[in-house]
Amino acid sequence: MYRDKSNQSGDISENTVLVYLIKKGYIVLTPSSRDAVYDLVVDMGNGQFVTVQVKTMSANSITKIV
């Protein structure tokens, strides 16, 4: 059970991005600690890795992928 809605909505956002990237064919890694400075690491191929920070917007009906 989540202690607060903030952690729950953050996890939902991160998993939404995770599924999106996997469907696009990327290999996605997740940190083992909640205190990491990034949320996901994406293997872009050719030995290139990109860190991703997912932000959750509240009170906004428009989802924006940047």
C-alpha atoms as a PDB file:
ATOM      1  CA  MET A   1       0.000   0.000   0.000  1.00  0.00           C
ATOM      2  CA  TYR A   2       1.307   3.446  -0.914  1.00  0.00           C
ATOM      3  CA  ARG A   3       1.821   5.964   1.864  1.00  0.00           C
ATOM      4  CA  ASP A   4       0.686   8.854  -0.309  1.00  0.00           C
ATOM      5  CA  LYS A   5      -0.769   9.540  -3.735  1.00  0.00           C
ATOM      6  CA  SER A   6       2.410  11.312  -4.892  1.00  0.00           C
ATOM      7  CA  ASN A   7       4.492   8.115  -4.871  1.00  0.00           C
ATOM      8  CA  GLN A   8       1.692   6.203  -6.563  1.00  0.00           C
ATOM      9  CA  SER A   9       1.247   8.724  -9.387  1.00  0.00           C
ATOM     10  CA  GLY A  10       5.029   8.896  -9.862  1.00  0.00           C
ATOM     11  CA  ASP A  11       5.258   5.117 -10.226  1.00  0.00           C
ATOM     12  CA  ILE A  12       2.361   5.111 -12.700  1.00  0.00           C
ATOM     13  CA  SER A  13       4.092   7.792 -14.804  1.00  0.00           C
ATOM     14  CA  GLU A  14       7.439   5.969 -14.760  1.00  0.00           C
ATOM     15  CA  ASN A  15       5.847   2.663 -15.753  1.00  0.00           C
ATOM     16  CA  THR A  16       3.871   4.362 -18.541  1.00  0.00           C
ATOM     17  CA  VAL A  17       7.121   5.711 -20.013  1.00  0.00           C
ATOM     18  CA  LEU A  18       8.812   2.327 -19.477  1.00  0.00           C
ATOM     19  CA  VAL A  19       6.102   0.495 -21.449  1.00  0.00           C
ATOM     20  CA  TYR A  20       6.162   3.162 -24.202  1.00  0.00           C
ATOM     21  CA  LEU A  21       9.930   2.792 -24.666  1.00  0.00           C
ATOM     22  CA  ILE A  22       9.803  -1.010 -24.639  1.00  0.00           C
ATOM     23  CA  LYS A  23       7.054  -0.951 -27.291  1.00  0.00           C
ATOM     24  CA  LYS A  24       9.353   1.235 -29.404  1.00  0.00           C
ATOM     25  CA  GLY A  25      11.994  -1.505 -29.180  1.00  0.00           C
ATOM     26  CA  TYR A  26      14.422   0.015 -26.673  1.00  0.00           C
ATOM     27  CA  ILE A  27      16.079  -1.849 -23.822  1.00  0.00           C
ATOM     28  CA  VAL A  28      15.240   0.010 -20.612  1.00  0.00           C
ATOM     29  CA  LEU A  29      17.045  -0.314 -17.286  1.00  0.00           C
ATOM     30  CA  THR A  30      15.711   0.833 -13.913  1.00  0.00           C
ATOM     31  CA  PRO A  31      17.819   1.888 -10.908  1.00  0.00           C
ATOM     32  CA  SER A  32      17.823  -0.328  -7.827  1.00  0.00           C
ATOM     33  CA  SER A  33      17.460   2.680  -5.511  1.00  0.00           C
ATOM     34  CA  ARG A  34      14.619   5.177  -5.278  1.00  0.00           C
ATOM     35  CA  ASP A  35      17.269   7.833  -4.502  1.00  0.00           C
ATOM     36  CA  ALA A  36      18.912   7.673  -7.949  1.00  0.00           C
ATOM     37  CA  VAL A  37      19.185  10.949  -9.890  1.00  0.00           C
ATOM     38  CA  TYR A  38      17.422   9.333 -12.865  1.00  0.00           C
ATOM     39  CA  ASP A  39      14.310   7.188 -13.282  1.00  0.00           C
ATOM     40  CA  LEU A  40      15.301   5.086 -16.298  1.00  0.00           C
ATOM     41  CA  VAL A  41      18.340   4.339 -18.449  1.00  0.00           C
ATOM     42  CA  VAL A  42      17.681   3.665 -22.126  1.00  0.00           C
ATOM     43  CA  ASP A  43      20.062   1.632 -24.281  1.00  0.00           C
ATOM     44  CA  MET A  44      20.031   3.539 -27.568  1.00  0.00           C
ATOM     45  CA  GLY A  45      22.288   0.995 -29.298  1.00  0.00           C
ATOM     46  CA  ASN A  46      25.920   1.315 -30.417  1.00  0.00           C
ATOM     47  CA  GLY A  47      27.023   1.553 -26.769  1.00  0.00           C
ATOM     48  CA  GLN A  48      25.058   4.761 -26.159  1.00  0.00           C
ATOM     49  CA  PHE A  49      22.974   5.077 -22.997  1.00  0.00           C
ATOM     50  CA  VAL A  50      20.636   7.934 -22.061  1.00  0.00           C
ATOM     51  CA  THR A  51      19.265   8.668 -18.594  1.00  0.00           C
ATOM     52  CA  VAL A  52      15.609   9.692 -18.326  1.00  0.00           C
ATOM     53  CA  GLN A  53      13.908  11.693 -15.574  1.00  0.00           C
ATOM     54  CA  VAL A  54      10.103  11.331 -15.598  1.00  0.00           C
ATOM     55  CA  LYS A  55       8.020  14.197 -14.238  1.00  0.00           C
ATOM     56  CA  THR A  56       4.361  13.981 -13.303  1.00  0.00           C
ATOM     57  CA  MET A  57       2.089  16.951 -13.873  1.00  0.00           C
ATOM     58  CA  SER A  58      -1.016  17.242 -11.742  1.00  0.00           C
ATOM     59  CA  ALA A  59      -4.263  19.073 -12.446  1.00  0.00           C
ATOM     60  CA  ASN A  60      -3.506  18.963 -16.158  1.00  0.00           C
ATOM     61  CA  SER A  61      -5.540  16.947 -18.613  1.00  0.00           C
ATOM     62  CA  ILE A  62      -2.905  17.128 -21.365  1.00  0.00           C
ATOM     63  CA  THR A  63      -0.095  14.564 -21.336  1.00  0.00           C
ATOM     64  CA  LYS A  64       3.112  15.841 -22.860  1.00  0.00           C
ATOM     65  CA  ILE A  65       6.018  13.655 -23.967  1.00  0.00           C
ATOM     66  CA  VAL A  66       9.251  15.600 -24.227  1.00  0.00           C
END
